[in-house]
PDB file of N, CA and C in Angstrom:
ATOM      1  N   GLN A   1     114.713 101.703 127.245  1.00  0.00           N
ATOM      2  CA  GLN A   1     113.315 101.319 127.389  1.00  0.00           C
ATOM      3  C   GLN A   1     112.433 102.542 127.185  1.00  0.00           C
ATOM      4  N   VAL A   2     111.455 102.407 126.301  1.00  0.00           N
ATOM      5  CA  VAL A   2     110.521 103.486 126.027  1.00  0.00           C
ATOM      6  C   VAL A   2     109.342 103.384 126.988  1.00  0.00           C
ATOM      7  N   GLN A   3     108.970 104.500 127.544  1.00  0.00           N
ATOM      8  CA  GLN A   3     107.772 104.557 128.383  1.00  0.00           C
ATOM      9  C   GLN A   3     106.779 105.536 127.776  1.00  0.00           C
ATOM     10  N   LEU A   4     105.518 105.164 127.808  1.00  0.00           N
ATOM     11  CA  LEU A   4     104.464 105.979 127.228  1.00  0.00           C
ATOM     12  C   LEU A   4     103.423 106.258 128.297  1.00  0.00           C
ATOM     13  N   VAL A   5     103.043 107.517 128.419  1.00  0.00           N
ATOM     14  CA  VAL A   5     102.050 107.906 129.416  1.00  0.00           C
ATOM     15  C   VAL A   5     100.987 108.751 128.735  1.00  0.00           C
ATOM     16  N   GLU A   6      99.756 108.240 128.729  1.00  0.00           N
ATOM     17  CA  GLU A   6      98.651 108.969 128.107  1.00  0.00           C
ATOM     18  C   GLU A   6      97.966 109.880 129.126  1.00  0.00           C
ATOM     19  N   SER A   7      97.330 110.895 128.587  1.00  0.00           N
ATOM     20  CA  SER A   7      96.492 111.770 129.402  1.00  0.00           C
ATOM     21  C   SER A   7      95.454 112.413 128.501  1.00  0.00           C
ATOM     22  N   GLY A   8      94.438 112.995 129.109  1.00  0.00           N
ATOM     23  CA  GLY A   8      93.457 113.753 128.348  1.00  0.00           C
ATOM     24  C   GLY A   8      92.099 113.104 128.186  1.00  0.00           C
ATOM     25  N   GLY A   9      91.937 111.886 128.654  1.00  0.00           N
ATOM     26  CA  GLY A   9      90.633 111.245 128.535  1.00  0.00           C
ATOM     27  C   GLY A   9      89.616 111.893 129.458  1.00  0.00           C
ATOM     28  N   GLY A  10      88.363 111.488 129.303  1.00  0.00           N
ATOM     29  CA  GLY A  10      87.322 112.025 130.163  1.00  0.00           C
ATOM     30  C   GLY A  10      85.946 111.692 129.662  1.00  0.00           C
ATOM     31  N   LEU A  11      84.963 112.328 130.290  1.00  0.00           N
ATOM     32  CA  LEU A  11      83.560 112.143 129.944  1.00  0.00           C
ATOM     33  C   LEU A  11      83.080 113.391 129.212  1.00  0.00           C
ATOM     34  N   VAL A  12      82.571 113.189 127.995  1.00  0.00           N
ATOM     35  CA  VAL A  12      82.076 114.302 127.199  1.00  0.00           C
ATOM     36  C   VAL A  12      80.741 113.911 126.579  1.00  0.00           C
ATOM     37  N   GLN A  13      80.086 114.880 125.982  1.00  0.00           N
ATOM     38  CA  GLN A  13      78.837 114.623 125.285  1.00  0.00           C
ATOM     39  C   GLN A  13      79.093 114.443 123.798  1.00  0.00           C
ATOM     40  N   ALA A  14      78.167 113.781 123.158  1.00  0.00           N
ATOM     41  CA  ALA A  14      78.279 113.596 121.709  1.00  0.00           C
ATOM     42  C   ALA A  14      78.420 114.953 121.024  1.00  0.00           C
ATOM     43  N   GLY A  15      79.338 115.007 120.070  1.00  0.00           N
ATOM     44  CA  GLY A  15      79.606 116.243 119.359  1.00  0.00           C
ATOM     45  C   GLY A  15      80.755 117.048 119.926  1.00  0.00           C
ATOM     46  N   ASP A  16      81.172 116.727 121.134  1.00  0.00           N
ATOM     47  CA  ASP A  16      82.276 117.442 121.776  1.00  0.00           C
ATOM     48  C   ASP A  16      83.620 116.983 121.225  1.00  0.00           C
ATOM     49  N   SER A  17      84.674 117.632 121.702  1.00  0.00           N
ATOM     50  CA  SER A  17      86.043 117.305 121.300  1.00  0.00           C
ATOM     51  C   SER A  17      86.886 116.993 122.523  1.00  0.00           C
ATOM     52  N   LEU A  18      87.919 116.192 122.297  1.00  0.00           N
ATOM     53  CA  LEU A  18      88.917 115.896 123.311  1.00  0.00           C
ATOM     54  C   LEU A  18      90.261 115.781 122.617  1.00  0.00           C
ATOM     55  N   ARG A  19      91.310 116.078 123.346  1.00  0.00           N
ATOM     56  CA  ARG A  19      92.649 115.845 122.822  1.00  0.00           C
ATOM     57  C   ARG A  19      93.409 114.956 123.794  1.00  0.00           C
ATOM     58  N   LEU A  20      93.834 113.827 123.290  1.00  0.00           N
ATOM     59  CA  LEU A  20      94.660 112.923 124.066  1.00  0.00           C
ATOM     60  C   LEU A  20      96.129 113.241 123.823  1.00  0.00           C
ATOM     61  N   SER A  21      96.921 113.088 124.853  1.00  0.00           N
ATOM     62  CA  SER A  21      98.359 113.287 124.745  1.00  0.00           C
ATOM     63  C   SER A  21      99.071 112.026 125.184  1.00  0.00           C
ATOM     64  N   CYS A  22     100.228 111.802 124.604  1.00  0.00           N
ATOM     65  CA  CYS A  22     101.057 110.655 124.964  1.00  0.00           C
ATOM     66  C   CYS A  22     102.492 111.140 125.077  1.00  0.00           C
ATOM     67  N   GLU A  23     102.999 111.118 126.279  1.00  0.00           N
ATOM     68  CA  GLU A  23     104.380 111.539 126.493  1.00  0.00           C
ATOM     69  C   GLU A  23     105.315 110.350 126.340  1.00  0.00           C
ATOM     70  N   ILE A  24     106.351 110.532 125.538  1.00  0.00           N
ATOM     71  CA  ILE A  24     107.315 109.470 125.238  1.00  0.00           C
ATOM     72  C   ILE A  24     108.592 109.764 126.011  1.00  0.00           C
ATOM     73  N   SER A  25     109.066 108.790 126.746  1.00  0.00           N
ATOM     74  CA  SER A  25     110.314 108.989 127.467  1.00  0.00           C
ATOM     75  C   SER A  25     111.228 107.795 127.253  1.00  0.00           C
ATOM     76  N   GLY A  26     112.495 108.043 127.366  1.00  0.00           N
ATOM     77  CA  GLY A  26     113.458 106.967 127.308  1.00  0.00           C
ATOM     78  C   GLY A  26     114.256 106.881 126.031  1.00  0.00           C
ATOM     79  N   ARG A  27     113.722 107.410 124.942  1.00  0.00           N
ATOM     80  CA  ARG A  27     114.408 107.328 123.656  1.00  0.00           C
ATOM     81  C   ARG A  27     114.072 108.559 122.819  1.00  0.00           C
ATOM     82  N   THR A  28     114.745 108.706 121.712  1.00  0.00           N
ATOM     83  CA  THR A  28     114.454 109.800 120.787  1.00  0.00           C
ATOM     84  C   THR A  28     113.124 109.530 120.085  1.00  0.00           C
ATOM     85  N   ALA A  29     112.173 110.401 120.294  1.00  0.00           N
ATOM     86  CA  ALA A  29     110.808 110.153 119.823  1.00  0.00           C
ATOM     87  C   ALA A  29     110.731 109.949 118.318  1.00  0.00           C
ATOM     88  N   SER A  30     111.535 110.684 117.560  1.00  0.00           N
ATOM     89  CA  SER A  30     111.431 110.621 116.096  1.00  0.00           C
ATOM     90  C   SER A  30     111.855 109.271 115.525  1.00  0.00           C
ATOM     91  N   ASN A  31     112.458 108.444 116.323  1.00  0.00           N
ATOM     92  CA  ASN A  31     112.875 107.116 115.872  1.00  0.00           C
ATOM     93  C   ASN A  31     111.782 106.071 116.007  1.00  0.00           C
ATOM     94  N   TYR A  32     110.577 106.517 116.355  1.00  0.00           N
ATOM     95  CA  TYR A  32     109.493 105.579 116.612  1.00  0.00           C
ATOM     96  C   TYR A  32     108.243 105.967 115.841  1.00  0.00           C
ATOM     97  N   VAL A  33     107.689 104.979 115.165  1.00  0.00           N
ATOM     98  CA  VAL A  33     106.334 105.101 114.637  1.00  0.00           C
ATOM     99  C   VAL A  33     105.386 105.007 115.825  1.00  0.00           C
ATOM    100  N   MET A  34     104.450 105.908 115.868  1.00  0.00           N
ATOM    101  CA  MET A  34     103.521 105.945 117.001  1.00  0.00           C
ATOM    102  C   MET A  34     102.090 105.719 116.516  1.00  0.00           C
ATOM    103  N   GLY A  35     101.303 105.132 117.381  1.00  0.00           N
ATOM    104  CA  GLY A  35      99.917 104.867 117.014  1.00  0.00           C
ATOM    105  C   GLY A  35      98.992 104.996 118.204  1.00  0.00           C
ATOM    106  N   TRP A  36      97.719 105.052 117.888  1.00  0.00           N
ATOM    107  CA  TRP A  36      96.676 105.019 118.905  1.00  0.00           C
ATOM    108  C   TRP A  36      95.755 103.846 118.606  1.00  0.00           C
ATOM    109  N   PHE A  37      95.455 103.086 119.635  1.00  0.00           N
ATOM    110  CA  PHE A  37      94.484 102.003 119.570  1.00  0.00           C
ATOM    111  C   PHE A  37      93.375 102.302 120.573  1.00  0.00           C
ATOM    112  N   ARG A  38      92.269 101.620 120.413  1.00  0.00           N
ATOM    113  CA  ARG A  38      91.215 101.719 121.411  1.00  0.00           C
ATOM    114  C   ARG A  38      90.542 100.366 121.586  1.00  0.00           C
ATOM    115  N   GLN A  39      89.974 100.183 122.752  1.00  0.00           N
ATOM    116  CA  GLN A  39      89.245  98.951 123.027  1.00  0.00           C
ATOM    117  C   GLN A  39      88.018  99.269 123.859  1.00  0.00           C
ATOM    118  N   ALA A  40      86.877  98.946 123.308  1.00  0.00           N
ATOM    119  CA  ALA A  40      85.614  99.120 124.005  1.00  0.00           C
ATOM    120  C   ALA A  40      85.246  97.816 124.704  1.00  0.00           C
ATOM    121  N   PRO A  41      84.440  97.889 125.747  1.00  0.00           N
ATOM    122  CA  PRO A  41      84.049  96.666 126.462  1.00  0.00           C
ATOM    123  C   PRO A  41      83.412  95.651 125.529  1.00  0.00           C
ATOM    124  N   GLY A  42      83.907  94.424 125.588  1.00  0.00           N
ATOM    125  CA  GLY A  42      83.349  93.353 124.788  1.00  0.00           C
ATOM    126  C   GLY A  42      83.743  93.373 123.331  1.00  0.00           C
ATOM    127  N   LYS A  43      84.636  94.299 122.973  1.00  0.00           N
ATOM    128  CA  LYS A  43      85.055  94.395 121.579  1.00  0.00           C
ATOM    129  C   LYS A  43      86.553  94.173 121.452  1.00  0.00           C
ATOM    130  N   GLU A  44      86.974  93.856 120.244  1.00  0.00           N
ATOM    131  CA  GLU A  44      88.397  93.677 119.994  1.00  0.00           C
ATOM    132  C   GLU A  44      89.104  95.036 119.946  1.00  0.00           C
ATOM    133  N   ARG A  45      90.381  94.982 120.231  1.00  0.00           N
ATOM    134  CA  ARG A  45      91.200  96.179 120.133  1.00  0.00           C
ATOM    135  C   ARG A  45      91.242  96.653 118.683  1.00  0.00           C
ATOM    136  N   GLU A  46      91.134  97.945 118.497  1.00  0.00           N
ATOM    137  CA  GLU A  46      91.045  98.532 117.161  1.00  0.00           C
ATOM    138  C   GLU A  46      92.143  99.564 116.969  1.00  0.00           C
ATOM    139  N   ALA A  47      92.847  99.473 115.853  1.00  0.00           N
ATOM    140  CA  ALA A  47      93.818 100.502 115.497  1.00  0.00           C
ATOM    141  C   ALA A  47      93.065 101.726 115.015  1.00  0.00           C
ATOM    142  N   VAL A  48      93.404 102.870 115.558  1.00  0.00           N
ATOM    143  CA  VAL A  48      92.689 104.104 115.245  1.00  0.00           C
ATOM    144  C   VAL A  48      93.502 105.003 114.324  1.00  0.00           C
ATOM    145  N   ALA A  49      94.781 105.184 114.649  1.00  0.00           N
ATOM    146  CA  ALA A  49      95.611 106.094 113.869  1.00  0.00           C
ATOM    147  C   ALA A  49      97.070 105.721 114.054  1.00  0.00           C
ATOM    148  N   ALA A  50      97.887 106.120 113.091  1.00  0.00           N
ATOM    149  CA  ALA A  50      99.326 105.898 113.171  1.00  0.00           C
ATOM    150  C   ALA A  50     100.023 107.059 112.487  1.00  0.00           C
ATOM    151  N   THR A  51     101.241 107.334 112.954  1.00  0.00           N
ATOM    152  CA  THR A  51     102.001 108.428 112.375  1.00  0.00           C
ATOM    153  C   THR A  51     103.465 108.046 112.246  1.00  0.00           C
ATOM    154  N   SER A  52     104.100 108.535 111.190  1.00  0.00           N
ATOM    155  CA  SER A  52     105.507 108.248 110.964  1.00  0.00           C
ATOM    156  C   SER A  52     106.369 109.024 111.949  1.00  0.00           C
ATOM    157  N   GLY A  53     107.657 108.728 111.923  1.00  0.00           N
ATOM    158  CA  GLY A  53     108.576 109.360 112.863  1.00  0.00           C
ATOM    159  C   GLY A  53     108.598 110.872 112.774  1.00  0.00           C
ATOM    160  N   THR A  54     108.385 111.391 111.569  1.00  0.00           N
ATOM    161  CA  THR A  54     108.376 112.844 111.383  1.00  0.00           C
ATOM    162  C   THR A  54     106.996 113.442 111.563  1.00  0.00           C
ATOM    163  N   GLY A  55     105.981 112.591 111.544  1.00  0.00           N
ATOM    164  CA  GLY A  55     104.611 113.097 111.639  1.00  0.00           C
ATOM    165  C   GLY A  55     104.022 113.511 110.314  1.00  0.00           C
ATOM    166  N   VAL A  56     104.759 113.326 109.229  1.00  0.00           N
ATOM    167  CA  VAL A  56     104.288 113.757 107.913  1.00  0.00           C
ATOM    168  C   VAL A  56     103.273 112.775 107.340  1.00  0.00           C
ATOM    169  N   VAL A  57     103.482 111.495 107.572  1.00  0.00           N
ATOM    170  CA  VAL A  57     102.601 110.467 107.021  1.00  0.00           C
ATOM    171  C   VAL A  57     101.717 109.916 108.131  1.00  0.00           C
ATOM    172  N   ASN A  58     100.426 109.973 107.924  1.00  0.00           N
ATOM    173  CA  ASN A  58      99.466 109.541 108.930  1.00  0.00           C
ATOM    174  C   ASN A  58      98.416 108.627 108.317  1.00  0.00           C
ATOM    175  N   TYR A  59      97.908 107.742 109.130  1.00  0.00           N
ATOM    176  CA  TYR A  59      96.874 106.812 108.699  1.00  0.00           C
ATOM    177  C   TYR A  59      95.752 106.790 109.733  1.00  0.00           C
ATOM    178  N   TYR A  60      94.536 106.536 109.241  1.00  0.00           N
ATOM    179  CA  TYR A  60      93.372 106.520 110.117  1.00  0.00           C
ATOM    180  C   TYR A  60      92.455 105.356 109.760  1.00  0.00           C
ATOM    181  N   SER A  61      91.753 104.883 110.756  1.00  0.00           N
ATOM    182  CA  SER A  61      90.716 103.900 110.472  1.00  0.00           C
ATOM    183  C   SER A  61      89.528 104.615 109.835  1.00  0.00           C
ATOM    184  N   ASP A  62      88.739 103.864 109.109  1.00  0.00           N
ATOM    185  CA  ASP A  62      87.573 104.452 108.447  1.00  0.00           C
ATOM    186  C   ASP A  62      86.599 105.036 109.475  1.00  0.00           C
ATOM    187  N   SER A  63      86.570 104.449 110.643  1.00  0.00           N
ATOM    188  CA  SER A  63      85.601 104.882 111.648  1.00  0.00           C
ATOM    189  C   SER A  63      85.914 106.258 112.228  1.00  0.00           C
ATOM    190  N   VAL A  64      87.149 106.726 112.089  1.00  0.00           N
ATOM    191  CA  VAL A  64      87.517 108.020 112.671  1.00  0.00           C
ATOM    192  C   VAL A  64      88.007 109.019 111.629  1.00  0.00           C
ATOM    193  N   LYS A  65      88.194 108.574 110.406  1.00  0.00           N
ATOM    194  CA  LYS A  65      88.743 109.448 109.364  1.00  0.00           C
ATOM    195  C   LYS A  65      87.857 110.672 109.187  1.00  0.00           C
ATOM    196  N   GLY A  66      88.487 111.825 109.165  1.00  0.00           N
ATOM    197  CA  GLY A  66      87.752 113.072 109.031  1.00  0.00           C
ATOM    198  C   GLY A  66      87.351 113.689 110.359  1.00  0.00           C
ATOM    199  N   ARG A  67      87.428 112.924 111.434  1.00  0.00           N
ATOM    200  CA  ARG A  67      87.077 113.439 112.768  1.00  0.00           C
ATOM    201  C   ARG A  67      88.270 113.485 113.712  1.00  0.00           C
ATOM    202  N   PHE A  68      89.172 112.530 113.577  1.00  0.00           N
ATOM    203  CA  PHE A  68      90.346 112.456 114.446  1.00  0.00           C
ATOM    204  C   PHE A  68      91.589 112.883 113.670  1.00  0.00           C
ATOM    205  N   THR A  69      92.535 113.474 114.399  1.00  0.00           N
ATOM    206  CA  THR A  69      93.811 113.860 113.812  1.00  0.00           C
ATOM    207  C   THR A  69      94.939 113.453 114.740  1.00  0.00           C
ATOM    208  N   ILE A  70      95.878 112.693 114.209  1.00  0.00           N
ATOM    209  CA  ILE A  70      97.066 112.337 114.970  1.00  0.00           C
ATOM    210  C   ILE A  70      98.177 113.307 114.597  1.00  0.00           C
ATOM    211  N   SER A  71      98.941 113.712 115.588  1.00  0.00           N
ATOM    212  CA  SER A  71     100.068 114.611 115.334  1.00  0.00           C
ATOM    213  C   SER A  71     101.129 114.345 116.392  1.00  0.00           C
ATOM    214  N   ARG A  72     102.291 114.917 116.164  1.00  0.00           N
ATOM    215  CA  ARG A  72     103.372 114.723 117.117  1.00  0.00           C
ATOM    216  C   ARG A  72     104.255 115.952 117.160  1.00  0.00           C
ATOM    217  N   ASP A  73     104.823 116.189 118.317  1.00  0.00           N
ATOM    218  CA  ASP A  73     105.821 117.231 118.502  1.00  0.00           C
ATOM    219  C   ASP A  73     107.047 116.535 119.084  1.00  0.00           C
ATOM    220  N   ASN A  74     107.994 116.221 118.218  1.00  0.00           N
ATOM    221  CA  ASN A  74     109.154 115.453 118.676  1.00  0.00           C
ATOM    222  C   ASN A  74     110.040 116.263 119.619  1.00  0.00           C
ATOM    223  N   ALA A  75     109.991 117.567 119.504  1.00  0.00           N
ATOM    224  CA  ALA A  75     110.771 118.391 120.430  1.00  0.00           C
ATOM    225  C   ALA A  75     110.229 118.253 121.855  1.00  0.00           C
ATOM    226  N   LEU A  76     108.936 117.986 121.960  1.00  0.00           N
ATOM    227  CA  LEU A  76     108.318 117.789 123.260  1.00  0.00           C
ATOM    228  C   LEU A  76     108.122 116.316 123.598  1.00  0.00           C
ATOM    229  N   ASN A  77     108.553 115.433 122.677  1.00  0.00           N
ATOM    230  CA  ASN A  77     108.398 113.987 122.885  1.00  0.00           C
ATOM    231  C   ASN A  77     106.946 113.621 123.183  1.00  0.00           C
ATOM    232  N   THR A  78     106.051 114.179 122.398  1.00  0.00           N
ATOM    233  CA  THR A  78     104.632 113.982 122.666  1.00  0.00           C
ATOM    234  C   THR A  78     103.879 113.707 121.367  1.00  0.00           C
ATOM    235  N   VAL A  79     102.954 112.786 121.453  1.00  0.00           N
ATOM    236  CA  VAL A  79     102.046 112.473 120.353  1.00  0.00           C
ATOM    237  C   VAL A  79     100.637 112.825 120.813  1.00  0.00           C
ATOM    238  N   TYR A  80      99.840 113.335 119.878  1.00  0.00           N
ATOM    239  CA  TYR A  80      98.496 113.771 120.214  1.00  0.00           C
ATOM    240  C   TYR A  80      97.466 113.034 119.359  1.00  0.00           C
ATOM    241  N   LEU A  81      96.271 112.960 119.902  1.00  0.00           N
ATOM    242  CA  LEU A  81      95.119 112.507 119.123  1.00  0.00           C
ATOM    243  C   LEU A  81      93.994 113.500 119.377  1.00  0.00           C
ATOM    244  N   GLN A  82      93.769 114.352 118.397  1.00  0.00           N
ATOM    245  CA  GLN A  82      92.681 115.318 118.479  1.00  0.00           C
ATOM    246  C   GLN A  82      91.410 114.628 117.990  1.00  0.00           C
ATOM    247  N   MET A  83      90.402 114.582 118.837  1.00  0.00           N
ATOM    248  CA  MET A  83      89.163 113.881 118.514  1.00  0.00           C
ATOM    249  C   MET A  83      88.025 114.885 118.489  1.00  0.00           C
ATOM    250  N   ASN A  84      87.456 115.063 117.323  1.00  0.00           N
ATOM    251  CA  ASN A  84      86.344 115.997 117.141  1.00  0.00           C
ATOM    252  C   ASN A  84      85.067 115.237 116.818  1.00  0.00           C
ATOM    253  N   THR A  85      83.955 115.921 117.005  1.00  0.00           N
ATOM    254  CA  THR A  85      82.643 115.350 116.699  1.00  0.00           C
ATOM    255  C   THR A  85      82.529 113.945 117.274  1.00  0.00           C
ATOM    256  N   LEU A  86      82.794 113.835 118.535  1.00  0.00           N
ATOM    257  CA  LEU A  86      82.791 112.521 119.176  1.00  0.00           C
ATOM    258  C   LEU A  86      81.401 111.907 119.188  1.00  0.00           C
ATOM    259  N   LYS A  87      81.384 110.594 119.068  1.00  0.00           N
ATOM    260  CA  LYS A  87      80.144 109.832 119.046  1.00  0.00           C
ATOM    261  C   LYS A  87      80.151 108.833 120.207  1.00  0.00           C
ATOM    262  N   PRO A  88      78.985 108.393 120.643  1.00  0.00           N
ATOM    263  CA  PRO A  88      78.957 107.388 121.717  1.00  0.00           C
ATOM    264  C   PRO A  88      79.768 106.137 121.378  1.00  0.00           C
ATOM    265  N   GLU A  89      79.819 105.777 120.112  1.00  0.00           N
ATOM    266  CA  GLU A  89      80.583 104.587 119.717  1.00  0.00           C
ATOM    267  C   GLU A  89      82.090 104.795 119.796  1.00  0.00           C
ATOM    268  N   ASP A  90      82.535 106.007 120.074  1.00  0.00           N
ATOM    269  CA  ASP A  90      83.962 106.255 120.304  1.00  0.00           C
ATOM    270  C   ASP A  90      84.364 105.924 121.739  1.00  0.00           C
ATOM    271  N   THR A  91      83.394 105.608 122.577  1.00  0.00           N
ATOM    272  CA  THR A  91      83.679 105.270 123.967  1.00  0.00           C
ATOM    273  C   THR A  91      84.573 104.035 124.030  1.00  0.00           C
ATOM    274  N   ALA A  92      85.704 104.180 124.716  1.00  0.00           N
ATOM    275  CA  ALA A  92      86.683 103.094 124.794  1.00  0.00           C
ATOM    276  C   ALA A  92      87.848 103.546 125.673  1.00  0.00           C
ATOM    277  N   VAL A  93      88.699 102.585 125.991  1.00  0.00           N
ATOM    278  CA  VAL A  93      90.008 102.922 126.548  1.00  0.00           C
ATOM    279  C   VAL A  93      90.952 103.120 125.368  1.00  0.00           C
ATOM    280  N   TYR A  94      91.633 104.240 125.370  1.00  0.00           N
ATOM    281  CA  TYR A  94      92.545 104.578 124.278  1.00  0.00           C
ATOM    282  C   TYR A  94      93.984 104.361 124.740  1.00  0.00           C
ATOM    283  N   TYR A  95      94.750 103.688 123.886  1.00  0.00           N
ATOM    284  CA  TYR A  95      96.131 103.342 124.195  1.00  0.00           C
ATOM    285  C   TYR A  95      97.077 103.978 123.186  1.00  0.00           C
ATOM    286  N   CYS A  96      98.139 104.532 123.700  1.00  0.00           N
ATOM    287  CA  CYS A  96      99.235 105.030 122.874  1.00  0.00           C
ATOM    288  C   CYS A  96     100.228 103.890 122.691  1.00  0.00           C
ATOM    289  N   THR A  97     100.744 103.743 121.477  1.00  0.00           N
ATOM    290  CA  THR A  97     101.680 102.663 121.195  1.00  0.00           C
ATOM    291  C   THR A  97     102.849 103.168 120.379  1.00  0.00           C
ATOM    292  N   GLY A  98     103.951 102.438 120.444  1.00  0.00           N
ATOM    293  CA  GLY A  98     105.112 102.828 119.665  1.00  0.00           C
ATOM    294  C   GLY A  98     105.917 101.620 119.230  1.00  0.00           C
ATOM    295  N   LYS A  99     106.570 101.783 118.092  1.00  0.00           N
ATOM    296  CA  LYS A  99     107.477 100.737 117.617  1.00  0.00           C
ATOM    297  C   LYS A  99     108.653 101.398 116.937  1.00  0.00           C
ATOM    298  N   ALA A 100     109.803 100.753 117.046  1.00  0.00           N
ATOM    299  CA  ALA A 100     111.026 101.299 116.472  1.00  0.00           C
ATOM    300  C   ALA A 100     110.888 101.400 114.954  1.00  0.00           C
ATOM    301  N   GLY A 101     111.386 102.493 114.420  1.00  0.00           N
ATOM    302  CA  GLY A 101     111.304 102.724 112.984  1.00  0.00           C
ATOM    303  C   GLY A 101     110.726 104.083 112.706  1.00  0.00           C
ATOM    304  N   ARG A 102     111.010 104.629 111.526  1.00  0.00           N
ATOM    305  CA  ARG A 102     110.540 105.968 111.203  1.00  0.00           C
ATOM    306  C   ARG A 102     109.438 105.984 110.174  1.00  0.00           C
ATOM    307  N   PHE A 103     109.230 104.861 109.499  1.00  0.00           N
ATOM    308  CA  PHE A 103     108.299 104.864 108.384  1.00  0.00           C
ATOM    309  C   PHE A 103     107.037 104.076 108.735  1.00  0.00           C
ATOM    310  N   ALA A 104     105.925 104.771 108.705  1.00  0.00           N
ATOM    311  CA  ALA A 104     104.649 104.123 108.943  1.00  0.00           C
ATOM    312  C   ALA A 104     104.139 103.557 107.628  1.00  0.00           C
ATOM    313  N   THR A 105     103.590 102.348 107.683  1.00  0.00           N
ATOM    314  CA  THR A 105     103.092 101.682 106.473  1.00  0.00           C
ATOM    315  C   THR A 105     101.649 101.267 106.661  1.00  0.00           C
ATOM    316  N   GLY A 106     100.850 102.187 107.108  1.00  0.00           N
ATOM    317  CA  GLY A 106      99.442 101.907 107.294  1.00  0.00           C
ATOM    318  C   GLY A 106      99.129 101.568 108.738  1.00  0.00           C
ATOM    319  N   LEU A 107      97.888 101.201 108.967  1.00  0.00           N
ATOM    320  CA  LEU A 107      97.474 100.780 110.304  1.00  0.00           C
ATOM    321  C   LEU A 107      97.895  99.322 110.508  1.00  0.00           C
ATOM    322  N   ARG A 108      98.858  99.133 111.366  1.00  0.00           N
ATOM    323  CA  ARG A 108      99.380  97.798 111.598  1.00  0.00           C
ATOM    324  C   ARG A 108      98.734  97.202 112.843  1.00  0.00           C
ATOM    325  N   PRO A 109      98.713  95.882 112.974  1.00  0.00           N
ATOM    326  CA  PRO A 109      98.113  95.256 114.160  1.00  0.00           C
ATOM    327  C   PRO A 109      98.908  95.551 115.417  1.00  0.00           C
ATOM    328  N   GLY A 110      98.251  95.442 116.543  1.00  0.00           N
ATOM    329  CA  GLY A 110      98.885  95.729 117.816  1.00  0.00           C
ATOM    330  C   GLY A 110     100.090  94.861 118.096  1.00  0.00           C
ATOM    331  N   SER A 111     100.102  93.663 117.557  1.00  0.00           N
ATOM    332  CA  SER A 111     101.221  92.747 117.790  1.00  0.00           C
ATOM    333  C   SER A 111     102.531  93.281 117.236  1.00  0.00           C
ATOM    334  N   GLU A 112     102.470  94.250 116.339  1.00  0.00           N
ATOM    335  CA  GLU A 112     103.680  94.800 115.756  1.00  0.00           C
ATOM    336  C   GLU A 112     104.256  95.948 116.586  1.00  0.00           C
ATOM    337  N   TYR A 113     103.535  96.377 117.596  1.00  0.00           N
ATOM    338  CA  TYR A 113     104.015  97.470 118.425  1.00  0.00           C
ATOM    339  C   TYR A 113     104.730  96.933 119.659  1.00  0.00           C
ATOM    340  N   ASP A 114     105.798  97.624 120.007  1.00  0.00           N
ATOM    341  CA  ASP A 114     106.650  97.171 121.097  1.00  0.00           C
ATOM    342  C   ASP A 114     106.281  97.777 122.440  1.00  0.00           C
ATOM    343  N   TYR A 115     105.732  98.973 122.393  1.00  0.00           N
ATOM    344  CA  TYR A 115     105.515  99.717 123.639  1.00  0.00           C
ATOM    345  C   TYR A 115     104.070 100.198 123.719  1.00  0.00           C
ATOM    346  N   TRP A 116     103.528 100.157 124.926  1.00  0.00           N
ATOM    347  CA  TRP A 116     102.134 100.539 125.163  1.00  0.00           C
ATOM    348  C   TRP A 116     102.029 101.397 126.413  1.00  0.00           C
ATOM    349  N   GLY A 117     101.136 102.373 126.352  1.00  0.00           N
ATOM    350  CA  GLY A 117     100.819 103.128 127.541  1.00  0.00           C
ATOM    351  C   GLY A 117      99.790 102.386 128.384  1.00  0.00           C
ATOM    352  N   GLN A 118      99.412 102.990 129.478  1.00  0.00           N
ATOM    353  CA  GLN A 118      98.490 102.346 130.411  1.00  0.00           C
ATOM    354  C   GLN A 118      97.034 102.512 129.991  1.00  0.00           C
ATOM    355  N   GLY A 119      96.784 103.411 129.072  1.00  0.00           N
ATOM    356  CA  GLY A 119      95.428 103.631 128.584  1.00  0.00           C
ATOM    357  C   GLY A 119      94.738 104.767 129.298  1.00  0.00           C
ATOM    358  N   THR A 120      93.845 105.435 128.585  1.00  0.00           N
ATOM    359  CA  THR A 120      93.042 106.503 129.163  1.00  0.00           C
ATOM    360  C   THR A 120      91.600 106.336 128.683  1.00  0.00           C
ATOM    361  N   GLN A 121      90.666 106.473 129.608  1.00  0.00           N
ATOM    362  CA  GLN A 121      89.266 106.224 129.292  1.00  0.00           C
ATOM    363  C   GLN A 121      88.637 107.433 128.628  1.00  0.00           C
ATOM    364  N   VAL A 122      87.942 107.175 127.536  1.00  0.00           N
ATOM    365  CA  VAL A 122      87.135 108.197 126.872  1.00  0.00           C
ATOM    366  C   VAL A 122      85.694 107.703 126.865  1.00  0.00           C
ATOM    367  N   THR A 123      84.811 108.493 127.424  1.00  0.00           N
ATOM    368  CA  THR A 123      83.404 108.138 127.474  1.00  0.00           C
ATOM    369  C   THR A 123      82.586 109.249 126.839  1.00  0.00           C
ATOM    370  N   VAL A 124      81.779 108.880 125.841  1.00  0.00           N
ATOM    371  CA  VAL A 124      80.965 109.857 125.120  1.00  0.00           C
ATOM    372  C   VAL A 124      79.500 109.531 125.388  1.00  0.00           C
ATOM    373  N   SER A 125      78.807 110.453 126.000  1.00  0.00           N
ATOM    374  CA  SER A 125      77.395 110.228 126.297  1.00  0.00           C
ATOM    375  C   SER A 125      76.529 110.791 125.172  1.00  0.00           C
ATOM    376  N   SER A 126      75.392 110.169 124.992  1.00  0.00           N
ATOM    377  CA  SER A 126      74.493 110.603 123.906  1.00  0.00           C
ATOM    378  C   SER A 126      73.555 111.702 124.356  1.00  0.00           C
TER     379      SER A 126
END
């Protein structure tokens, strides 16, 4: 059983940066495609980024491309989401997700992911 634990959320001002971390336990991290989703109040869950098992292939939503970077350190069993130039519209609960497999094929819907973290709140004030 894979367990995912996010950390790093908080309250920041527009233009600031945050780095979210997701610790993976229970299995070999490189065997899982990992992703980040977010959900703002009253809005649907949105796929933000995804990364292949090696971290070489990454995908981003148009809303975060150029500002967010997903990365992973499989030796530390950790996936990161570096968020720069944050905007108020980035305010949401951010979830780390994982699914078995090494090859990422774009931003896939949440229904395709097997494992979810508890979420971490990111709030960006204007």
